[in-house]
Amino acid sequence: MNAKASAYWGKIRSSRLAKDSFWAVFGNGLGYGFLMLAGIVIANFLGVDAYGEFGIVKTTMLYIAGFATLGLGISSTKYIANALKEDRPAVRSLSHDAIQITLVFSALLAAGLFIAANPLARFLDEPGLAGAFRILGVIIVCKALNTTQNGILAGFGDFRAIARNNVISSLAMLTGCVPLTCWFRLDGALGILFFSQALNALLNWVSLRRLIKGLSGQKNVSRKRELCLFSFPIALQELNYTVCSWGGIMLLTKLSSSSQVGLYTAAAMWNGVITFIPGLLSNVILSHLSGTAGDKASHRHTLKTMLGVNFITTIIPFAAVYLLAGLITGFYGPTFTGLESVLRIMTLATVFSACSTVLYSELISRGHNWLSFLCRIMQEGTLFAVGWVLLVKWSGQSGAVCFACAYLISAIVSFSAPLLCVALLRNRCTAA
């Protein structure tokens, strides 16, 4: 028995999938933990109303930055992983093209946000947020660049560098959030958020430069058009996600209040804690599924393994957070009344969300980007539509609870739709 256990453990230690997963979980998980602590510190300093404003700005950053990459955070992982096996001389050009497209498009979006800052703040009945939205434009460029850089590093399989860079930038945010938020309130919180994103982009640039410099026989052939065509449906997914999810937050702000946004944002952070391992493994999953696309047995084994890993690593923290929701609420101070109910509802969605990550990666690794896009439309459309119906029905009362229920329903859709697509595609291949 000991010999079998030792052999099994040795097999795991020698597995590239296991090593990549370790660095993605350990390094990025540690970085996410620092960000969680920083979020709690900022919440205590700002209070629920100001933290709601910070949540509006931060959520806007995440949604717009996701679209600002035009899907290249995902596409670059697949392209780089494939090129390293089939077309190594094109790797440097692919990396440069992905970064250039991201910089140009994110800068255009940032400029648009800068111009629209005042009208957007007035629309939200929060005129004091105009300056924050202008700062946000610069943060979006850094965040979008980080997303694409991480996608390229994942294609190289350098998950150790991704982990190291995320930990350093997250630790910088945790260290700086106390003095800056204390002295400058919301502006200080946004300032340290910008610094951490800029630092991460700089560290990623150093890591990529080292990898690209080590490549030989590279050719300078632009593949921007090919990248954009492949990424187009993925970019539409990001746009759909941005419009529906960000629009949902704006809807919650408009029909309810910024304090309800604060409750929802705080609960959403804990959803991120529960699913942080599946989230950190998303690039690992796509990289390995893309790399084994030509080997059916290995590909199927990777798919089943990652579905099992995502389920197990989500169900345990889900149970812990669900049971300790009352204790967690106490960490945020007396102004976060009602957070416990929102937290319990939203945590129910995590298992569905974690497993759907693998299914979406499966569709993209096989080039079925449009199917993935259609599934995302169903998911995000459900969130926005159900959220709107519930907010109107309850006249904005308990807005965070209403939107948490909408999030749960959309998570169920996000798992069911791609699961059906994967099953139908497999049956079609078997019949052929």
Protein backbone atom coordinates (compact mmCIF):
# COMPACT_ATOMS: atom_id res chain seq x y z
CA MET A 1 0.00 0.00 0.00
CA ASN A 2 2.82 2.41 0.91
CA ALA A 3 4.56 1.63 -2.37
CA LYS A 4 1.38 2.39 -4.31
CA ALA A 5 0.84 5.62 -2.39
CA SER A 6 4.44 6.68 -3.00
CA ALA A 7 4.15 5.91 -6.69
CA TYR A 8 0.89 7.86 -6.93
CA TRP A 9 2.38 10.83 -5.08
CA GLY A 10 5.43 10.73 -7.34
CA LYS A 11 3.20 10.76 -10.39
CA ILE A 12 1.38 13.84 -9.09
CA ARG A 13 4.63 15.66 -8.31
CA SER A 14 5.99 15.00 -11.80
CA SER A 15 2.77 16.09 -13.50
CA ARG A 16 3.00 19.45 -15.25
CA LEU A 17 -0.72 19.99 -14.67
CA ALA A 18 -0.21 19.51 -10.93
CA LYS A 19 2.78 21.88 -10.85
CA ASP A 20 0.99 24.58 -12.80
CA SER A 21 -2.08 24.19 -10.60
CA PHE A 22 0.05 24.51 -7.46
CA TRP A 23 1.57 27.82 -8.53
CA ALA A 24 -1.77 29.16 -9.72
CA VAL A 25 -3.43 28.28 -6.41
CA PHE A 26 -0.65 29.03 -3.94
CA GLY A 27 0.73 32.24 -5.43
CA ASN A 28 -2.44 33.78 -6.78
CA GLY A 29 -4.43 32.56 -3.79
CA LEU A 30 -2.05 34.34 -1.46
CA GLY A 31 -2.36 37.47 -3.55
CA TYR A 32 -6.15 37.25 -3.47
CA GLY A 33 -6.01 36.86 0.31
CA PHE A 34 -4.06 40.12 0.55
CA LEU A 35 -6.70 41.81 -1.62
CA MET A 36 -9.48 40.46 0.60
CA LEU A 37 -7.78 41.88 3.69
CA ALA A 38 -7.30 45.20 1.91
CA GLY A 39 -11.00 45.20 0.99
CA ILE A 40 -12.05 44.63 4.61
CA VAL A 41 -9.69 47.40 5.82
CA ILE A 42 -11.04 49.83 3.21
CA ALA A 43 -14.64 48.91 4.13
CA ASN A 44 -14.00 49.65 7.81
CA PHE A 45 -12.40 53.03 7.05
CA LEU A 46 -15.00 54.16 4.51
CA GLY A 47 -18.26 52.81 5.96
CA VAL A 48 -21.05 51.25 3.92
CA ASP A 49 -22.02 54.35 1.86
CA ALA A 50 -18.50 55.36 0.77
CA TYR A 51 -17.58 51.70 0.33
CA GLY A 52 -20.60 51.40 -1.95
CA GLU A 53 -19.13 54.20 -4.08
CA PHE A 54 -15.77 52.40 -4.09
CA GLY A 55 -17.62 49.22 -5.08
CA ILE A 56 -19.28 51.02 -8.00
CA VAL A 57 -15.92 52.27 -9.29
CA LYS A 58 -14.06 48.98 -8.71
CA THR A 59 -16.84 46.91 -10.30
CA THR A 60 -16.89 49.27 -13.28
CA MET A 61 -13.12 48.78 -13.63
CA LEU A 62 -13.40 44.99 -13.64
CA TYR A 63 -16.24 44.93 -16.16
CA ILE A 64 -14.81 47.47 -18.63
CA ALA A 65 -11.24 46.13 -18.33
CA GLY A 66 -12.50 42.65 -19.21
CA PHE A 67 -13.94 43.96 -22.47
CA ALA A 68 -10.96 46.28 -23.06
CA THR A 69 -8.75 43.27 -23.85
CA LEU A 70 -11.07 42.28 -26.74
CA GLY A 71 -10.91 38.74 -25.39
CA LEU A 72 -7.14 38.53 -25.82
CA GLY A 73 -6.59 37.48 -22.21
CA ILE A 74 -8.16 34.17 -23.22
CA SER A 75 -7.18 33.99 -26.90
CA SER A 76 -3.49 34.68 -26.22
CA THR A 77 -3.32 31.67 -23.89
CA LYS A 78 -4.63 29.37 -26.61
CA TYR A 79 -2.52 30.91 -29.40
CA ILE A 80 0.75 30.98 -27.46
CA ALA A 81 0.26 27.41 -26.15
CA ASN A 82 -0.41 26.15 -29.69
CA ALA A 83 2.40 28.18 -31.27
CA LEU A 84 5.01 26.84 -28.83
CA LYS A 85 4.25 23.35 -30.17
CA GLU A 86 3.45 24.04 -33.81
CA ASP A 87 4.87 27.46 -34.84
CA ARG A 88 7.56 28.67 -32.41
CA PRO A 89 8.93 31.42 -34.71
CA ALA A 90 5.57 33.23 -34.42
CA VAL A 91 5.47 33.41 -30.60
CA ARG A 92 7.11 36.82 -30.22
CA SER A 93 4.91 38.43 -32.89
CA LEU A 94 1.78 36.96 -31.34
CA SER A 95 2.73 38.34 -27.92
CA HIS A 96 3.49 41.81 -29.25
CA ASP A 97 0.32 41.91 -31.35
CA ALA A 98 -1.89 40.94 -28.41
CA ILE A 99 -0.38 43.61 -26.16
CA GLN A 100 -0.56 46.34 -28.82
CA ILE A 101 -4.24 45.64 -29.54
CA THR A 102 -5.03 45.71 -25.82
CA LEU A 103 -3.21 49.00 -25.23
CA VAL A 104 -4.88 50.80 -28.15
CA PHE A 105 -8.41 49.62 -27.42
CA SER A 106 -8.23 50.08 -23.63
CA ALA A 107 -6.85 53.60 -24.12
CA LEU A 108 -9.81 54.45 -26.37
CA LEU A 109 -12.26 53.15 -23.75
CA ALA A 110 -10.44 55.09 -21.02
CA ALA A 111 -10.71 58.28 -23.07
CA GLY A 112 -14.42 57.69 -23.56
CA LEU A 113 -14.91 57.17 -19.83
CA PHE A 114 -12.96 60.36 -19.08
CA ILE A 115 -15.26 62.36 -21.37
CA ALA A 116 -18.44 60.72 -20.04
CA ALA A 117 -17.47 60.97 -16.33
CA ASN A 118 -19.79 63.87 -15.46
CA PRO A 119 -22.91 62.59 -17.32
CA LEU A 120 -22.39 59.10 -15.85
CA ALA A 121 -22.05 60.45 -12.30
CA ARG A 122 -25.21 62.56 -12.72
CA PHE A 123 -27.12 59.58 -14.12
CA LEU A 124 -26.24 57.59 -11.00
CA ASP A 125 -27.27 60.52 -8.78
CA GLU A 126 -23.71 60.45 -7.41
CA PRO A 127 -22.09 63.68 -8.74
CA GLY A 128 -19.11 63.22 -6.44
CA LEU A 129 -18.01 60.16 -8.45
CA ALA A 130 -17.04 62.16 -11.57
CA GLY A 131 -13.42 62.53 -10.44
CA ALA A 132 -13.28 58.87 -9.44
CA PHE A 133 -14.45 57.79 -12.90
CA ARG A 134 -11.65 59.84 -14.49
CA ILE A 135 -9.07 58.11 -12.29
CA LEU A 136 -10.73 54.85 -13.27
CA GLY A 137 -9.82 55.37 -16.93
CA VAL A 138 -6.10 55.05 -16.18
CA ILE A 139 -6.69 52.04 -13.92
CA ILE A 140 -8.62 50.30 -16.73
CA VAL A 141 -5.63 50.50 -19.09
CA CYS A 142 -3.36 48.88 -16.46
CA LYS A 143 -5.92 46.20 -15.60
CA ALA A 144 -6.56 45.33 -19.25
CA LEU A 145 -2.81 45.11 -19.89
CA ASN A 146 -2.42 42.79 -16.88
CA THR A 147 -5.17 40.52 -18.19
CA THR A 148 -3.54 40.09 -21.59
CA GLN A 149 -0.06 39.72 -20.09
CA ASN A 150 -1.32 36.98 -17.75
CA GLY A 151 -2.91 35.23 -20.72
CA ILE A 152 0.42 35.25 -22.60
CA LEU A 153 2.34 34.03 -19.54
CA ALA A 154 -0.23 31.24 -19.14
CA GLY A 155 0.35 30.25 -22.77
CA PHE A 156 4.06 29.96 -21.95
CA GLY A 157 3.13 27.88 -18.91
CA ASP A 158 4.96 30.29 -16.58
CA PHE A 159 2.39 30.21 -13.79
CA ARG A 160 5.12 30.78 -11.22
CA ALA A 161 5.77 34.26 -12.66
CA ILE A 162 2.04 35.06 -12.67
CA ALA A 163 1.80 34.00 -9.03
CA ARG A 164 4.87 35.94 -7.93
CA ASN A 165 3.82 39.14 -9.66
CA ASN A 166 0.27 38.98 -8.28
CA VAL A 167 1.51 38.43 -4.74
CA ILE A 168 3.89 41.39 -4.88
CA SER A 169 1.28 43.79 -6.31
CA SER A 170 -1.42 42.59 -3.88
CA LEU A 171 0.91 42.97 -0.92
CA ALA A 172 1.66 46.52 -2.08
CA MET A 173 -2.08 47.29 -2.08
CA LEU A 174 -2.55 45.81 1.40
CA THR A 175 0.40 47.80 2.75
CA GLY A 176 -0.69 51.09 1.23
CA CYS A 177 -4.46 50.88 1.76
CA VAL A 178 -4.36 51.79 5.47
CA PRO A 179 -2.54 55.16 5.29
CA LEU A 180 -3.98 56.24 1.93
CA THR A 181 -7.60 55.38 2.77
CA CYS A 182 -7.24 56.95 6.21
CA TRP A 183 -5.80 60.21 4.85
CA PHE A 184 -7.56 60.58 1.48
CA ARG A 185 -10.70 58.40 1.88
CA LEU A 186 -12.11 57.28 -1.51
CA ASP A 187 -9.38 58.98 -3.55
CA GLY A 188 -6.74 57.19 -1.45
CA ALA A 189 -8.42 53.80 -2.00
CA LEU A 190 -8.47 54.42 -5.75
CA GLY A 191 -4.87 55.64 -5.69
CA ILE A 192 -3.53 52.45 -4.12
CA LEU A 193 -5.69 50.39 -6.52
CA PHE A 194 -4.02 52.17 -9.45
CA PHE A 195 -0.53 51.70 -8.00
CA SER A 196 -1.03 47.95 -7.48
CA GLN A 197 -2.29 47.48 -11.07
CA ALA A 198 0.57 49.53 -12.53
CA LEU A 199 3.11 47.58 -10.48
CA ASN A 200 1.63 44.28 -11.65
CA ALA A 201 1.85 45.39 -15.30
CA LEU A 202 5.51 46.35 -14.84
CA LEU A 203 6.39 43.01 -13.21
CA ASN A 204 4.56 41.11 -15.97
CA TRP A 205 6.49 43.07 -18.61
CA VAL A 206 9.79 42.03 -17.01
CA SER A 207 8.71 38.37 -16.93
CA LEU A 208 7.55 38.41 -20.56
CA ARG A 209 10.70 40.14 -21.73
CA ARG A 210 12.79 37.38 -20.16
CA LEU A 211 10.74 34.63 -21.83
CA ILE A 212 10.63 36.25 -25.27
CA LYS A 213 14.33 37.10 -25.16
CA GLY A 214 15.09 33.39 -24.73
CA LEU A 215 13.32 32.46 -27.96
CA SER A 216 15.40 31.92 -31.10
CA GLY A 217 14.55 32.08 -34.80
CA GLN A 218 11.64 34.46 -34.33
CA LYS A 219 10.00 36.08 -37.36
CA ASN A 220 8.26 39.45 -37.52
CA VAL A 221 4.89 38.66 -39.08
CA SER A 222 1.82 40.56 -37.89
CA ARG A 223 -1.17 38.36 -37.03
CA LYS A 224 -3.36 41.07 -35.57
CA ARG A 225 -6.19 40.35 -38.00
CA GLU A 226 -6.18 36.63 -37.20
CA LEU A 227 -6.11 37.32 -33.46
CA CYS A 228 -8.97 39.80 -33.73
CA LEU A 229 -11.13 37.42 -35.80
CA PHE A 230 -10.61 34.56 -33.36
CA SER A 231 -11.16 36.84 -30.37
CA PHE A 232 -14.25 38.55 -31.77
CA PRO A 233 -16.85 36.18 -30.23
CA ILE A 234 -14.85 36.15 -26.98
CA ALA A 235 -14.84 39.96 -27.04
CA LEU A 236 -18.61 39.86 -27.54
CA GLN A 237 -18.81 37.65 -24.46
CA GLU A 238 -16.87 40.23 -22.50
CA LEU A 239 -19.06 43.03 -23.89
CA ASN A 240 -22.21 41.12 -22.97
CA TYR A 241 -20.79 40.46 -19.50
CA THR A 242 -19.82 44.12 -19.15
CA VAL A 243 -23.17 45.52 -20.30
CA CYS A 244 -25.37 43.14 -18.30
CA SER A 245 -23.30 42.85 -15.12
CA TRP A 246 -22.18 46.48 -14.95
CA GLY A 247 -25.64 47.54 -16.07
CA GLY A 248 -27.04 45.42 -13.27
CA ILE A 249 -24.89 47.26 -10.71
CA MET A 250 -26.04 50.57 -12.17
CA LEU A 251 -29.62 49.28 -11.97
CA LEU A 252 -29.12 48.37 -8.32
CA THR A 253 -27.69 51.83 -7.67
CA LYS A 254 -30.52 53.60 -9.49
CA LEU A 255 -33.47 51.57 -8.17
CA SER A 256 -32.07 50.99 -4.69
CA SER A 257 -29.07 52.78 -3.09
CA SER A 258 -25.28 52.85 -2.90
CA SER A 259 -25.48 51.17 0.53
CA GLN A 260 -27.15 48.14 -1.10
CA VAL A 261 -24.34 48.12 -3.67
CA GLY A 262 -21.94 48.05 -0.72
CA LEU A 263 -23.66 44.95 0.70
CA TYR A 264 -23.71 43.23 -2.67
CA THR A 265 -20.04 44.08 -3.34
CA ALA A 266 -18.96 42.75 0.06
CA ALA A 267 -20.87 39.48 -0.50
CA ALA A 268 -19.46 39.14 -4.02
CA MET A 269 -15.93 39.35 -2.58
CA TRP A 270 -16.64 36.28 -0.46
CA ASN A 271 -17.99 34.47 -3.49
CA GLY A 272 -14.57 35.14 -4.95
CA VAL A 273 -13.00 33.55 -1.86
CA ILE A 274 -15.05 30.39 -2.30
CA THR A 275 -14.26 30.05 -6.01
CA PHE A 276 -10.74 31.43 -5.83
CA ILE A 277 -9.10 28.07 -6.67
CA PRO A 278 -11.26 27.45 -9.79
CA GLY A 279 -10.76 31.08 -10.76
CA LEU A 280 -7.00 30.83 -10.38
CA LEU A 281 -6.97 27.59 -12.35
CA SER A 282 -8.91 29.03 -15.33
CA ASN A 283 -5.75 29.83 -17.32
CA VAL A 284 -4.23 26.47 -16.36
CA ILE A 285 -7.37 24.67 -17.56
CA LEU A 286 -7.48 26.49 -20.91
CA SER A 287 -3.73 26.08 -21.46
CA HIS A 288 -3.81 22.31 -20.88
CA LEU A 289 -7.08 21.69 -22.75
CA SER A 290 -5.64 23.61 -25.73
CA GLY A 291 -2.37 21.69 -25.53
CA THR A 292 -4.14 18.29 -25.55
CA ALA A 293 -6.75 19.10 -28.22
CA GLY A 294 -5.15 16.59 -30.61
CA ASP A 295 -5.10 13.74 -28.07
CA LYS A 296 -8.66 12.63 -27.27
CA ALA A 297 -7.79 10.40 -24.32
CA SER A 298 -5.53 12.95 -22.64
CA HIS A 299 -7.99 15.74 -23.37
CA ARG A 300 -10.91 13.87 -21.84
CA HIS A 301 -8.84 12.95 -18.79
CA THR A 302 -7.87 16.60 -18.28
CA LEU A 303 -11.50 17.70 -18.62
CA LYS A 304 -12.78 15.17 -16.06
CA THR A 305 -9.90 15.87 -13.67
CA MET A 306 -10.48 19.63 -13.66
CA LEU A 307 -14.24 19.27 -13.24
CA GLY A 308 -13.58 17.13 -10.16
CA VAL A 309 -10.96 19.53 -8.81
CA ASN A 310 -13.21 22.57 -9.26
CA PHE A 311 -16.14 20.86 -7.57
CA ILE A 312 -14.18 19.62 -4.55
CA THR A 313 -12.25 22.84 -4.02
CA THR A 314 -15.50 24.84 -4.09
CA ILE A 315 -17.88 22.73 -2.01
CA ILE A 316 -15.66 22.81 1.10
CA PRO A 317 -15.15 26.60 1.38
CA PHE A 318 -18.80 27.08 0.34
CA ALA A 319 -19.96 25.13 3.39
CA ALA A 320 -17.59 27.05 5.67
CA VAL A 321 -18.65 30.52 4.47
CA TYR A 322 -22.35 29.57 4.47
CA LEU A 323 -22.21 28.38 8.08
CA LEU A 324 -20.05 31.29 9.27
CA ALA A 325 -21.96 34.03 7.43
CA GLY A 326 -23.03 35.68 10.69
CA LEU A 327 -19.47 35.81 12.02
CA ILE A 328 -18.15 37.16 8.71
CA THR A 329 -20.76 39.93 8.76
CA GLY A 330 -19.43 41.07 12.13
CA PHE A 331 -16.02 41.80 10.57
CA TYR A 332 -17.48 44.63 8.49
CA GLY A 333 -18.83 46.76 11.31
CA PRO A 334 -22.32 47.88 12.36
CA THR A 335 -23.20 49.67 9.11
CA PHE A 336 -23.31 46.41 7.11
CA THR A 337 -26.67 45.25 8.47
CA GLY A 338 -28.28 42.64 6.20
CA LEU A 339 -25.02 41.31 4.76
CA GLU A 340 -25.58 37.84 6.28
CA SER A 341 -28.70 37.13 4.19
CA VAL A 342 -27.07 38.38 0.98
CA LEU A 343 -23.98 36.29 1.68
CA ARG A 344 -25.94 33.07 2.23
CA ILE A 345 -27.91 33.46 -1.00
CA MET A 346 -24.89 34.30 -3.16
CA THR A 347 -22.74 31.45 -1.86
CA LEU A 348 -25.26 28.95 -3.24
CA ALA A 349 -24.17 30.00 -6.74
CA THR A 350 -20.49 29.17 -6.33
CA VAL A 351 -20.53 25.45 -7.16
CA PHE A 352 -22.38 26.09 -10.43
CA SER A 353 -20.01 28.92 -11.35
CA ALA A 354 -16.87 26.91 -10.56
CA CYS A 355 -17.84 23.94 -12.72
CA SER A 356 -19.04 26.15 -15.59
CA THR A 357 -15.49 27.60 -15.84
CA VAL A 358 -14.20 24.22 -17.07
CA LEU A 359 -17.05 23.82 -19.55
CA TYR A 360 -16.48 27.25 -21.11
CA SER A 361 -12.74 26.49 -21.41
CA GLU A 362 -13.63 23.22 -23.16
CA LEU A 363 -15.73 25.04 -25.76
CA ILE A 364 -13.02 27.65 -26.43
CA SER A 365 -10.17 25.10 -26.57
CA ARG A 366 -12.04 23.33 -29.37
CA GLY A 367 -12.71 26.57 -31.23
CA HIS A 368 -16.45 26.77 -30.46
CA ASN A 369 -16.26 30.41 -29.46
CA TRP A 370 -19.69 31.28 -30.81
CA LEU A 371 -21.38 28.56 -28.77
CA SER A 372 -19.59 29.90 -25.70
CA PHE A 373 -20.84 33.38 -26.59
CA LEU A 374 -24.46 32.21 -26.87
CA CYS A 375 -24.24 30.52 -23.46
CA ARG A 376 -22.85 33.72 -21.94
CA ILE A 377 -25.73 35.72 -23.41
CA MET A 378 -28.17 33.42 -21.66
CA GLN A 379 -26.28 33.71 -18.37
CA GLU A 380 -25.79 37.48 -18.26
CA GLY A 381 -29.18 38.21 -19.76
CA THR A 382 -30.76 36.17 -16.96
CA LEU A 383 -28.86 38.16 -14.32
CA PHE A 384 -29.96 41.52 -15.70
CA ALA A 385 -33.56 40.54 -16.48
CA VAL A 386 -34.29 38.73 -13.20
CA GLY A 387 -32.52 41.45 -11.20
CA TRP A 388 -34.62 44.16 -12.84
CA VAL A 389 -37.89 42.27 -12.26
CA LEU A 390 -37.13 41.68 -8.57
CA LEU A 391 -35.97 45.25 -7.93
CA VAL A 392 -39.12 46.67 -9.52
CA LYS A 393 -41.37 44.18 -7.74
CA TRP A 394 -39.94 45.08 -4.32
CA SER A 395 -39.59 48.80 -5.12
CA GLY A 396 -35.84 48.76 -4.43
CA GLN A 397 -36.28 47.44 -0.88
CA SER A 398 -33.61 44.87 0.10
CA GLY A 399 -31.99 45.51 -3.28
CA ALA A 400 -28.89 43.45 -2.47
CA VAL A 401 -31.03 40.42 -1.59
CA CYS A 402 -32.98 40.79 -4.85
CA PHE A 403 -29.81 40.94 -6.92
CA ALA A 404 -28.25 38.05 -5.01
CA CYS A 405 -31.25 35.90 -5.99
CA ALA A 406 -30.81 36.96 -9.62
CA TYR A 407 -27.12 36.03 -9.40
CA LEU A 408 -28.00 32.55 -8.12
CA ILE A 409 -30.43 31.91 -10.97
CA SER A 410 -27.92 33.14 -13.58
CA ALA A 411 -25.24 30.83 -12.11
CA ILE A 412 -27.51 27.82 -12.61
CA VAL A 413 -28.00 28.88 -16.24
CA SER A 414 -24.23 29.40 -16.64
CA PHE A 415 -23.65 25.72 -15.78
CA SER A 416 -26.60 24.16 -17.59
CA ALA A 417 -26.13 25.86 -20.99
CA PRO A 418 -22.46 24.93 -21.70
CA LEU A 419 -22.99 21.46 -20.21
CA LEU A 420 -25.72 20.81 -22.78
CA CYS A 421 -23.48 22.13 -25.59
CA VAL A 422 -20.52 19.95 -24.57
CA ALA A 423 -22.77 16.87 -24.37
CA LEU A 424 -24.29 17.54 -27.81
CA LEU A 425 -20.86 18.08 -29.39
CA ARG A 426 -19.53 14.87 -27.89
CA ASN A 427 -22.54 12.89 -29.15
CA ARG A 428 -22.08 14.38 -32.62
CA CYS A 429 -18.38 13.40 -32.68
CA THR A 430 -19.23 9.88 -31.46
CA ALA A 431 -21.89 9.49 -34.17
CA ALA A 432 -19.43 10.71 -36.83
